[in-house]
Amino acid sequence: MSRVELARHLTGLGHRRFAYLDIDTRTRTLEARRRAFTDEARKASEQAGVVVARSPVDVTAAYDSVAGNWPSWRDSGVTALVCGSDLQAFGALAALRDLGVGVPEDVSVAGADDQPMSRIVQPSLTTVKLPSFELGSLGARELRKAMDGPDAVAGRPLVLPTRLEIRKSTGSAPGTRRPSPR
């Protein structure tokens, strides 16, 4: 679970206060991702705290959410923002840039999906790489089973491997002396 790796990466950089911009669909999968991140962050540090906001998977909606929430997040000591998708992270990066907030100097930002643009946005986005092709293939197979009849569906969660891609949007928490691992 790369959300666990992401939590370890960020807490290892000294981050203790996180904002989590979740996708507003509230599916079990997304809730499990958020819970995995939150639980691991709290395991790493008793001082860890996570505030949660939600937005659609949309650059503009994420921009608006981050722009509206940033003053309270900043005042509560948030130094890292974890987004449910790279598209949300693109909106977050734009909002923070327009607010004059340095990434990663003032706040680290991470996403999920490893969209092609994640490598070329500035700064390049730390993200959880999801196996999109395999996920689509598996989904199609499971749909076919469901079409064959309800007894054909296993009913168990299917888990695919993910990987953390560390790039330039994450760095040491402000006030710490840990170098960014790159």
N, C-alpha and C. Protein backbone atom coordinates (compact mmCIF):
# COMPACT_ATOMS: atom_id res chain seq x y z
N MET A 1 0.85 -1.19 0.00
CA MET A 1 0.00 0.00 0.00
C MET A 1 0.89 1.25 0.00
N SER A 2 0.87 1.94 -1.09
CA SER A 2 1.74 3.11 -1.20
C SER A 2 1.26 4.30 -0.39
N ARG A 3 0.01 4.31 0.05
CA ARG A 3 -0.41 5.39 0.97
C ARG A 3 0.37 5.27 2.27
N VAL A 4 0.67 4.04 2.66
CA VAL A 4 1.51 3.82 3.84
C VAL A 4 2.92 4.34 3.55
N GLU A 5 3.46 4.01 2.38
CA GLU A 5 4.78 4.52 1.99
C GLU A 5 4.79 6.05 1.95
N LEU A 6 3.73 6.64 1.44
CA LEU A 6 3.64 8.10 1.37
C LEU A 6 3.65 8.70 2.78
N ALA A 7 2.90 8.11 3.69
CA ALA A 7 2.89 8.61 5.07
C ALA A 7 4.28 8.50 5.68
N ARG A 8 4.95 7.39 5.45
CA ARG A 8 6.31 7.21 5.98
C ARG A 8 7.27 8.22 5.36
N HIS A 9 7.13 8.45 4.07
CA HIS A 9 7.98 9.42 3.38
C HIS A 9 7.81 10.82 3.99
N LEU A 10 6.56 11.24 4.14
CA LEU A 10 6.30 12.59 4.65
C LEU A 10 6.67 12.73 6.12
N THR A 11 6.35 11.74 6.94
CA THR A 11 6.73 11.85 8.35
C THR A 11 8.25 11.77 8.49
N GLY A 12 8.90 11.02 7.61
CA GLY A 12 10.36 10.96 7.61
C GLY A 12 11.00 12.29 7.27
N LEU A 13 10.27 13.13 6.56
CA LEU A 13 10.73 14.48 6.23
C LEU A 13 10.36 15.49 7.31
N GLY A 14 9.77 15.00 8.41
CA GLY A 14 9.45 15.87 9.54
C GLY A 14 8.04 16.43 9.56
N HIS A 15 7.20 16.04 8.62
CA HIS A 15 5.82 16.55 8.59
C HIS A 15 4.99 15.89 9.69
N ARG A 16 4.17 16.69 10.36
CA ARG A 16 3.31 16.17 11.43
C ARG A 16 1.86 16.61 11.27
N ARG A 17 1.62 17.69 10.54
CA ARG A 17 0.25 18.19 10.32
C ARG A 17 -0.04 18.11 8.83
N PHE A 18 -1.11 17.38 8.50
CA PHE A 18 -1.44 17.10 7.11
C PHE A 18 -2.85 17.57 6.78
N ALA A 19 -3.02 18.03 5.54
CA ALA A 19 -4.35 18.21 4.97
C ALA A 19 -4.50 17.09 3.95
N TYR A 20 -5.68 16.51 3.89
CA TYR A 20 -5.95 15.42 2.96
C TYR A 20 -7.14 15.85 2.11
N LEU A 21 -6.89 16.12 0.83
CA LEU A 21 -7.96 16.51 -0.09
C LEU A 21 -8.48 15.24 -0.75
N ASP A 22 -9.57 14.75 -0.21
CA ASP A 22 -10.13 13.48 -0.65
C ASP A 22 -11.06 13.71 -1.84
N ILE A 23 -11.29 12.65 -2.58
CA ILE A 23 -12.25 12.68 -3.68
C ILE A 23 -13.64 12.52 -3.06
N ASP A 24 -14.59 13.33 -3.50
CA ASP A 24 -15.87 13.41 -2.79
C ASP A 24 -16.85 12.27 -3.06
N THR A 25 -16.42 11.19 -3.70
CA THR A 25 -17.35 10.08 -3.95
C THR A 25 -17.57 9.19 -2.75
N ARG A 26 -16.68 9.21 -1.79
CA ARG A 26 -16.80 8.43 -0.55
C ARG A 26 -16.95 6.92 -0.79
N THR A 27 -16.18 6.39 -1.70
CA THR A 27 -16.21 4.95 -1.95
C THR A 27 -15.36 4.23 -0.91
N ARG A 28 -15.57 2.93 -0.76
CA ARG A 28 -14.78 2.15 0.20
C ARG A 28 -13.30 2.20 -0.13
N THR A 29 -12.97 2.14 -1.41
CA THR A 29 -11.57 2.17 -1.82
C THR A 29 -10.90 3.47 -1.39
N LEU A 30 -11.57 4.59 -1.66
CA LEU A 30 -10.99 5.89 -1.30
C LEU A 30 -10.90 6.06 0.21
N GLU A 31 -11.92 5.58 0.92
CA GLU A 31 -11.87 5.65 2.37
C GLU A 31 -10.72 4.80 2.92
N ALA A 32 -10.49 3.64 2.32
CA ALA A 32 -9.39 2.77 2.76
C ALA A 32 -8.05 3.44 2.50
N ARG A 33 -7.91 4.13 1.37
CA ARG A 33 -6.66 4.85 1.08
C ARG A 33 -6.41 5.94 2.13
N ARG A 34 -7.44 6.72 2.41
CA ARG A 34 -7.29 7.81 3.39
C ARG A 34 -6.97 7.24 4.77
N ARG A 35 -7.67 6.19 5.15
CA ARG A 35 -7.46 5.57 6.45
C ARG A 35 -6.04 5.00 6.56
N ALA A 36 -5.55 4.37 5.48
CA ALA A 36 -4.19 3.82 5.49
C ALA A 36 -3.18 4.94 5.70
N PHE A 37 -3.37 6.06 5.02
CA PHE A 37 -2.45 7.19 5.18
C PHE A 37 -2.51 7.73 6.61
N THR A 38 -3.72 7.99 7.07
CA THR A 38 -3.92 8.58 8.40
C THR A 38 -3.38 7.67 9.50
N ASP A 39 -3.69 6.39 9.43
CA ASP A 39 -3.22 5.45 10.45
C ASP A 39 -1.70 5.39 10.50
N GLU A 40 -1.07 5.34 9.32
CA GLU A 40 0.40 5.24 9.28
C GLU A 40 1.04 6.54 9.77
N ALA A 41 0.47 7.68 9.42
CA ALA A 41 1.01 8.96 9.90
C ALA A 41 0.93 9.02 11.42
N ARG A 42 -0.16 8.55 11.99
CA ARG A 42 -0.31 8.56 13.44
C ARG A 42 0.59 7.55 14.13
N LYS A 43 0.88 6.42 13.44
CA LYS A 43 1.83 5.45 13.98
C LYS A 43 3.22 6.05 14.03
N ALA A 44 3.56 6.83 13.02
CA ALA A 44 4.89 7.40 12.92
C ALA A 44 5.12 8.50 13.94
N SER A 45 4.06 9.19 14.33
CA SER A 45 4.22 10.29 15.27
C SER A 45 2.93 10.52 16.05
N GLU A 46 3.05 10.56 17.35
CA GLU A 46 1.88 10.84 18.19
C GLU A 46 1.35 12.25 17.95
N GLN A 47 2.20 13.15 17.45
CA GLN A 47 1.78 14.52 17.18
C GLN A 47 1.08 14.67 15.84
N ALA A 48 1.04 13.62 15.03
CA ALA A 48 0.47 13.72 13.69
C ALA A 48 -1.02 14.02 13.77
N GLY A 49 -1.44 14.91 12.89
CA GLY A 49 -2.85 15.25 12.78
C GLY A 49 -3.21 15.43 11.32
N VAL A 50 -4.45 15.06 10.97
CA VAL A 50 -4.89 15.15 9.59
C VAL A 50 -6.24 15.85 9.55
N VAL A 51 -6.34 16.90 8.74
CA VAL A 51 -7.63 17.53 8.47
C VAL A 51 -8.05 17.10 7.07
N VAL A 52 -9.34 16.85 6.89
CA VAL A 52 -9.83 16.32 5.62
C VAL A 52 -10.79 17.32 4.98
N ALA A 53 -10.59 17.52 3.68
CA ALA A 53 -11.52 18.27 2.85
C ALA A 53 -11.83 17.38 1.65
N ARG A 54 -12.88 17.71 0.91
CA ARG A 54 -13.26 16.90 -0.25
C ARG A 54 -13.52 17.80 -1.44
N SER A 55 -13.24 17.25 -2.62
CA SER A 55 -13.59 17.94 -3.86
C SER A 55 -13.75 16.89 -4.95
N PRO A 56 -14.44 17.26 -6.02
CA PRO A 56 -14.48 16.34 -7.17
C PRO A 56 -13.08 16.20 -7.78
N VAL A 57 -12.91 15.19 -8.62
CA VAL A 57 -11.65 15.02 -9.34
C VAL A 57 -11.68 16.02 -10.50
N ASP A 58 -11.29 17.24 -10.17
CA ASP A 58 -11.38 18.34 -11.12
C ASP A 58 -10.36 19.40 -10.68
N VAL A 59 -9.57 19.88 -11.61
CA VAL A 59 -8.52 20.83 -11.29
C VAL A 59 -9.10 22.10 -10.67
N THR A 60 -10.16 22.63 -11.26
CA THR A 60 -10.75 23.88 -10.76
C THR A 60 -11.36 23.71 -9.38
N ALA A 61 -12.07 22.62 -9.17
CA ALA A 61 -12.68 22.37 -7.86
C ALA A 61 -11.61 22.23 -6.78
N ALA A 62 -10.53 21.53 -7.11
CA ALA A 62 -9.43 21.38 -6.15
C ALA A 62 -8.76 22.73 -5.88
N TYR A 63 -8.55 23.52 -6.93
CA TYR A 63 -7.98 24.86 -6.78
C TYR A 63 -8.82 25.65 -5.78
N ASP A 64 -10.13 25.66 -6.00
CA ASP A 64 -11.04 26.42 -5.12
C ASP A 64 -11.01 25.91 -3.69
N SER A 65 -10.98 24.59 -3.53
CA SER A 65 -10.95 24.00 -2.19
C SER A 65 -9.67 24.38 -1.45
N VAL A 66 -8.53 24.25 -2.13
CA VAL A 66 -7.26 24.57 -1.49
C VAL A 66 -7.17 26.07 -1.21
N ALA A 67 -7.56 26.90 -2.16
CA ALA A 67 -7.52 28.35 -1.95
C ALA A 67 -8.40 28.75 -0.77
N GLY A 68 -9.57 28.14 -0.65
CA GLY A 68 -10.47 28.47 0.45
C GLY A 68 -10.03 27.93 1.79
N ASN A 69 -9.39 26.76 1.79
CA ASN A 69 -8.98 26.13 3.04
C ASN A 69 -7.59 26.50 3.50
N TRP A 70 -6.73 26.99 2.60
CA TRP A 70 -5.34 27.22 2.97
C TRP A 70 -5.16 28.10 4.20
N PRO A 71 -5.88 29.22 4.34
CA PRO A 71 -5.64 30.04 5.55
C PRO A 71 -5.83 29.26 6.85
N SER A 72 -6.87 28.46 6.95
CA SER A 72 -7.08 27.70 8.19
C SER A 72 -6.08 26.56 8.31
N TRP A 73 -5.73 25.92 7.18
CA TRP A 73 -4.73 24.87 7.23
C TRP A 73 -3.39 25.43 7.68
N ARG A 74 -3.00 26.57 7.10
CA ARG A 74 -1.73 27.20 7.47
C ARG A 74 -1.73 27.53 8.96
N ASP A 75 -2.83 28.12 9.43
CA ASP A 75 -2.91 28.52 10.83
C ASP A 75 -2.88 27.32 11.78
N SER A 76 -3.32 26.15 11.29
CA SER A 76 -3.29 24.95 12.14
C SER A 76 -1.97 24.19 12.02
N GLY A 77 -1.04 24.72 11.22
CA GLY A 77 0.29 24.12 11.13
C GLY A 77 0.48 23.08 10.05
N VAL A 78 -0.44 22.99 9.09
CA VAL A 78 -0.31 22.01 8.01
C VAL A 78 0.95 22.31 7.19
N THR A 79 1.77 21.27 7.00
CA THR A 79 2.99 21.39 6.19
C THR A 79 3.00 20.42 5.02
N ALA A 80 1.97 19.57 4.90
CA ALA A 80 1.90 18.64 3.78
C ALA A 80 0.44 18.45 3.36
N LEU A 81 0.22 18.44 2.07
CA LEU A 81 -1.11 18.26 1.49
C LEU A 81 -1.09 17.00 0.63
N VAL A 82 -1.95 16.05 0.96
CA VAL A 82 -2.07 14.81 0.21
C VAL A 82 -3.40 14.86 -0.54
N CYS A 83 -3.33 14.67 -1.85
CA CYS A 83 -4.54 14.72 -2.68
C CYS A 83 -4.93 13.33 -3.14
N GLY A 84 -6.23 13.11 -3.27
CA GLY A 84 -6.74 11.81 -3.70
C GLY A 84 -6.42 11.47 -5.13
N SER A 85 -6.09 12.49 -5.94
CA SER A 85 -5.75 12.25 -7.35
C SER A 85 -4.73 13.29 -7.80
N ASP A 86 -4.03 12.97 -8.88
CA ASP A 86 -3.10 13.93 -9.44
C ASP A 86 -3.82 15.16 -9.98
N LEU A 87 -5.02 14.97 -10.55
CA LEU A 87 -5.75 16.13 -11.05
C LEU A 87 -6.03 17.12 -9.93
N GLN A 88 -6.41 16.61 -8.77
CA GLN A 88 -6.60 17.50 -7.62
C GLN A 88 -5.28 18.16 -7.24
N ALA A 89 -4.20 17.41 -7.28
CA ALA A 89 -2.90 17.97 -6.92
C ALA A 89 -2.49 19.07 -7.89
N PHE A 90 -2.83 18.93 -9.19
CA PHE A 90 -2.53 20.01 -10.15
C PHE A 90 -3.25 21.29 -9.75
N GLY A 91 -4.51 21.17 -9.36
CA GLY A 91 -5.26 22.34 -8.89
C GLY A 91 -4.67 22.90 -7.62
N ALA A 92 -4.24 22.02 -6.72
CA ALA A 92 -3.63 22.45 -5.46
C ALA A 92 -2.34 23.21 -5.73
N LEU A 93 -1.49 22.68 -6.62
CA LEU A 93 -0.25 23.37 -6.95
C LEU A 93 -0.51 24.77 -7.51
N ALA A 94 -1.51 24.88 -8.38
CA ALA A 94 -1.84 26.19 -8.96
C ALA A 94 -2.35 27.16 -7.89
N ALA A 95 -3.21 26.68 -7.00
CA ALA A 95 -3.74 27.54 -5.94
C ALA A 95 -2.62 28.01 -5.02
N LEU A 96 -1.76 27.10 -4.62
CA LEU A 96 -0.66 27.46 -3.72
C LEU A 96 0.28 28.45 -4.40
N ARG A 97 0.57 28.24 -5.67
CA ARG A 97 1.41 29.18 -6.42
C ARG A 97 0.76 30.57 -6.42
N ASP A 98 -0.53 30.64 -6.72
CA ASP A 98 -1.23 31.93 -6.77
C ASP A 98 -1.32 32.60 -5.40
N LEU A 99 -1.29 31.80 -4.34
CA LEU A 99 -1.30 32.34 -2.98
C LEU A 99 0.10 32.72 -2.49
N GLY A 100 1.11 32.44 -3.29
CA GLY A 100 2.49 32.74 -2.91
C GLY A 100 3.09 31.75 -1.93
N VAL A 101 2.54 30.54 -1.90
CA VAL A 101 3.01 29.50 -0.99
C VAL A 101 4.03 28.64 -1.75
N GLY A 102 5.21 28.47 -1.21
CA GLY A 102 6.24 27.68 -1.86
C GLY A 102 6.04 26.19 -1.70
N VAL A 103 6.18 25.46 -2.81
CA VAL A 103 6.12 24.00 -2.79
C VAL A 103 7.48 23.51 -3.28
N PRO A 104 8.22 22.79 -2.49
CA PRO A 104 7.91 22.19 -1.20
C PRO A 104 8.43 22.99 0.00
N GLU A 105 8.95 24.21 -0.21
CA GLU A 105 9.54 24.97 0.88
C GLU A 105 8.57 25.22 2.04
N ASP A 106 7.32 25.60 1.71
CA ASP A 106 6.33 25.91 2.75
C ASP A 106 5.37 24.75 3.00
N VAL A 107 5.06 24.00 1.96
CA VAL A 107 4.14 22.87 2.07
C VAL A 107 4.50 21.85 0.99
N SER A 108 4.51 20.58 1.37
CA SER A 108 4.72 19.50 0.41
C SER A 108 3.37 19.08 -0.15
N VAL A 109 3.36 18.64 -1.40
CA VAL A 109 2.12 18.22 -2.06
C VAL A 109 2.36 16.87 -2.72
N ALA A 110 1.37 15.97 -2.57
CA ALA A 110 1.44 14.65 -3.21
C ALA A 110 0.07 14.29 -3.78
N GLY A 111 0.08 13.45 -4.81
CA GLY A 111 -1.16 13.02 -5.45
C GLY A 111 -1.23 11.51 -5.56
N ALA A 112 -2.07 11.05 -6.48
CA ALA A 112 -2.22 9.62 -6.75
C ALA A 112 -2.65 9.45 -8.19
N ASP A 113 -2.11 8.50 -8.86
CA ASP A 113 -2.44 8.07 -10.22
C ASP A 113 -1.20 8.07 -11.11
N ASP A 114 -0.27 8.98 -10.89
CA ASP A 114 0.90 9.17 -11.75
C ASP A 114 0.48 9.47 -13.18
N GLN A 115 -0.32 10.51 -13.31
CA GLN A 115 -0.71 11.00 -14.63
C GLN A 115 0.53 11.44 -15.40
N PRO A 116 0.52 11.38 -16.73
CA PRO A 116 1.68 11.80 -17.51
C PRO A 116 2.17 13.22 -17.17
N MET A 117 1.28 14.13 -16.88
CA MET A 117 1.65 15.51 -16.55
C MET A 117 2.38 15.61 -15.21
N SER A 118 2.30 14.58 -14.38
CA SER A 118 2.90 14.63 -13.05
C SER A 118 4.41 14.82 -13.10
N ARG A 119 5.01 14.35 -14.15
CA ARG A 119 6.46 14.49 -14.30
C ARG A 119 6.87 15.88 -14.76
N ILE A 120 5.96 16.60 -15.44
CA ILE A 120 6.38 17.86 -16.06
C ILE A 120 5.79 19.11 -15.41
N VAL A 121 4.81 18.95 -14.50
CA VAL A 121 4.35 20.14 -13.78
C VAL A 121 5.51 20.64 -12.93
N GLN A 122 5.42 21.89 -12.52
CA GLN A 122 6.49 22.48 -11.69
C GLN A 122 5.95 22.79 -10.32
N PRO A 123 6.52 22.26 -9.28
CA PRO A 123 7.53 21.21 -9.28
C PRO A 123 6.91 19.87 -9.67
N SER A 124 7.75 18.94 -10.14
CA SER A 124 7.23 17.62 -10.50
C SER A 124 6.58 16.99 -9.27
N LEU A 125 5.51 16.25 -9.51
CA LEU A 125 4.62 15.79 -8.44
C LEU A 125 5.00 14.43 -7.87
N THR A 126 5.21 14.39 -6.56
CA THR A 126 5.30 13.11 -5.85
C THR A 126 3.91 12.49 -5.90
N THR A 127 3.84 11.21 -6.26
CA THR A 127 2.55 10.59 -6.47
C THR A 127 2.60 9.09 -6.21
N VAL A 128 1.44 8.52 -5.96
CA VAL A 128 1.31 7.08 -5.84
C VAL A 128 0.92 6.55 -7.21
N LYS A 129 1.79 5.74 -7.79
CA LYS A 129 1.55 5.19 -9.12
C LYS A 129 0.60 4.01 -9.01
N LEU A 130 -0.52 4.12 -9.71
CA LEU A 130 -1.51 3.05 -9.74
C LEU A 130 -1.34 2.28 -11.05
N PRO A 131 -1.51 0.97 -11.03
CA PRO A 131 -1.37 0.17 -12.25
C PRO A 131 -2.64 0.28 -13.11
N SER A 132 -2.78 1.37 -13.84
CA SER A 132 -4.02 1.68 -14.56
C SER A 132 -4.44 0.59 -15.54
N PHE A 133 -3.52 0.10 -16.36
CA PHE A 133 -3.86 -0.91 -17.34
C PHE A 133 -4.36 -2.18 -16.66
N GLU A 134 -3.63 -2.63 -15.64
CA GLU A 134 -4.02 -3.84 -14.93
C GLU A 134 -5.35 -3.65 -14.22
N LEU A 135 -5.56 -2.47 -13.67
CA LEU A 135 -6.82 -2.17 -12.99
C LEU A 135 -8.00 -2.25 -13.97
N GLY A 136 -7.82 -1.68 -15.16
CA GLY A 136 -8.87 -1.73 -16.17
C GLY A 136 -9.15 -3.15 -16.63
N SER A 137 -8.09 -3.92 -16.84
CA SER A 137 -8.25 -5.32 -17.27
C SER A 137 -8.98 -6.14 -16.21
N LEU A 138 -8.55 -5.97 -14.98
CA LEU A 138 -9.18 -6.70 -13.88
C LEU A 138 -10.64 -6.29 -13.73
N GLY A 139 -10.91 -5.00 -13.84
CA GLY A 139 -12.30 -4.53 -13.76
C GLY A 139 -13.17 -5.13 -14.85
N ALA A 140 -12.63 -5.22 -16.05
CA ALA A 140 -13.38 -5.81 -17.16
C ALA A 140 -13.67 -7.29 -16.90
N ARG A 141 -12.67 -8.02 -16.39
CA ARG A 141 -12.87 -9.44 -16.07
C ARG A 141 -13.93 -9.61 -14.99
N GLU A 142 -13.88 -8.76 -13.95
CA GLU A 142 -14.85 -8.87 -12.86
C GLU A 142 -16.26 -8.51 -13.35
N LEU A 143 -16.35 -7.53 -14.25
CA LEU A 143 -17.65 -7.16 -14.82
C LEU A 143 -18.21 -8.34 -15.63
N ARG A 144 -17.35 -8.98 -16.38
CA ARG A 144 -17.78 -10.13 -17.17
C ARG A 144 -18.30 -11.24 -16.25
N LYS A 145 -17.61 -11.48 -15.14
CA LYS A 145 -18.08 -12.48 -14.18
C LYS A 145 -19.45 -12.11 -13.63
N ALA A 146 -19.62 -10.83 -13.31
CA ALA A 146 -20.90 -10.38 -12.76
C ALA A 146 -22.03 -10.55 -13.77
N MET A 147 -21.70 -10.35 -15.04
CA MET A 147 -22.70 -10.52 -16.09
C MET A 147 -23.07 -12.00 -16.25
N ASP A 148 -22.14 -12.90 -15.91
CA ASP A 148 -22.41 -14.33 -15.98
C ASP A 148 -23.34 -14.79 -14.87
N GLY A 149 -23.48 -14.00 -13.83
CA GLY A 149 -24.37 -14.34 -12.73
C GLY A 149 -23.76 -13.95 -11.40
N PRO A 150 -24.59 -13.61 -10.43
CA PRO A 150 -24.08 -13.13 -9.15
C PRO A 150 -23.22 -14.16 -8.41
N ASP A 151 -23.42 -15.43 -8.66
CA ASP A 151 -22.62 -16.45 -7.98
C ASP A 151 -21.19 -16.49 -8.50
N ALA A 152 -20.95 -15.91 -9.67
CA ALA A 152 -19.61 -15.95 -10.27
C ALA A 152 -18.69 -14.88 -9.68
N VAL A 153 -19.25 -13.91 -8.97
CA VAL A 153 -18.45 -12.82 -8.41
C VAL A 153 -17.92 -13.23 -7.04
N ALA A 154 -16.63 -13.11 -6.86
CA ALA A 154 -15.98 -13.56 -5.62
C ALA A 154 -16.43 -12.76 -4.41
N GLY A 155 -16.65 -11.47 -4.55
CA GLY A 155 -17.07 -10.64 -3.43
C GLY A 155 -15.95 -10.25 -2.48
N ARG A 156 -14.72 -10.51 -2.85
CA ARG A 156 -13.59 -10.15 -2.00
C ARG A 156 -12.89 -8.94 -2.61
N PRO A 157 -12.26 -8.14 -1.77
CA PRO A 157 -11.53 -7.00 -2.31
C PRO A 157 -10.36 -7.46 -3.17
N LEU A 158 -10.13 -6.77 -4.24
CA LEU A 158 -9.00 -7.06 -5.11
C LEU A 158 -7.97 -5.97 -4.90
N VAL A 159 -6.74 -6.36 -4.63
CA VAL A 159 -5.67 -5.41 -4.33
C VAL A 159 -4.57 -5.57 -5.36
N LEU A 160 -4.20 -4.46 -5.97
CA LEU A 160 -3.11 -4.44 -6.94
C LEU A 160 -1.94 -3.66 -6.35
N PRO A 161 -0.73 -4.00 -6.74
CA PRO A 161 0.44 -3.29 -6.19
C PRO A 161 0.51 -1.85 -6.70
N THR A 162 0.95 -0.97 -5.83
CA THR A 162 1.16 0.43 -6.17
C THR A 162 2.60 0.78 -5.80
N ARG A 163 3.03 1.95 -6.24
CA ARG A 163 4.41 2.35 -5.96
C ARG A 163 4.47 3.86 -5.75
N LEU A 164 5.25 4.29 -4.79
CA LEU A 164 5.43 5.71 -4.53
C LEU A 164 6.51 6.25 -5.46
N GLU A 165 6.17 7.31 -6.19
CA GLU A 165 7.11 8.01 -7.07
C GLU A 165 7.46 9.33 -6.38
N ILE A 166 8.66 9.41 -5.85
CA ILE A 166 9.08 10.61 -5.13
C ILE A 166 9.69 11.59 -6.13
N ARG A 167 9.11 12.79 -6.16
CA ARG A 167 9.60 13.84 -7.06
C ARG A 167 9.81 15.12 -6.25
N LYS A 168 9.84 16.25 -6.92
CA LYS A 168 10.26 17.50 -6.28
C LYS A 168 9.19 18.24 -5.49
N SER A 169 7.93 17.78 -5.49
CA SER A 169 6.88 18.50 -4.76
C SER A 169 6.85 18.19 -3.27
N THR A 170 7.69 17.27 -2.83
CA THR A 170 7.79 16.99 -1.39
C THR A 170 9.20 17.26 -0.92
N GLY A 171 9.30 17.83 0.28
CA GLY A 171 10.58 18.12 0.88
C GLY A 171 10.44 18.19 2.38
N SER A 172 11.50 18.56 3.02
CA SER A 172 11.50 18.64 4.48
C SER A 172 10.46 19.62 4.98
N ALA A 173 9.87 19.28 6.11
CA ALA A 173 8.91 20.19 6.74
C ALA A 173 9.63 21.48 7.13
N PRO A 174 8.95 22.61 7.00
CA PRO A 174 9.58 23.87 7.43
C PRO A 174 10.08 23.75 8.87
N GLY A 175 11.30 24.24 9.11
CA GLY A 175 11.86 24.21 10.44
C GLY A 175 12.64 22.95 10.77
N THR A 176 12.69 22.00 9.83
CA THR A 176 13.49 20.80 10.06
C THR A 176 14.77 20.91 9.23
N ARG A 177 15.74 20.09 9.56
CA ARG A 177 17.01 20.15 8.84
C ARG A 177 17.24 18.92 7.98
N ARG A 178 16.22 18.12 7.79
CA ARG A 178 16.39 16.91 6.99
C ARG A 178 16.47 17.30 5.51
N PRO A 179 17.44 16.76 4.80
CA PRO A 179 17.51 17.03 3.36
C PRO A 179 16.43 16.25 2.64
N SER A 180 15.96 16.78 1.51
CA SER A 180 14.98 16.08 0.69
C SER A 180 15.66 14.91 0.00
N PRO A 181 15.09 13.70 0.08
CA PRO A 181 15.71 12.56 -0.61
C PRO A 181 15.33 12.60 -2.09
N ARG A 182 16.30 12.79 -2.94
CA ARG A 182 16.05 12.81 -4.39
C ARG A 182 17.12 12.04 -5.08
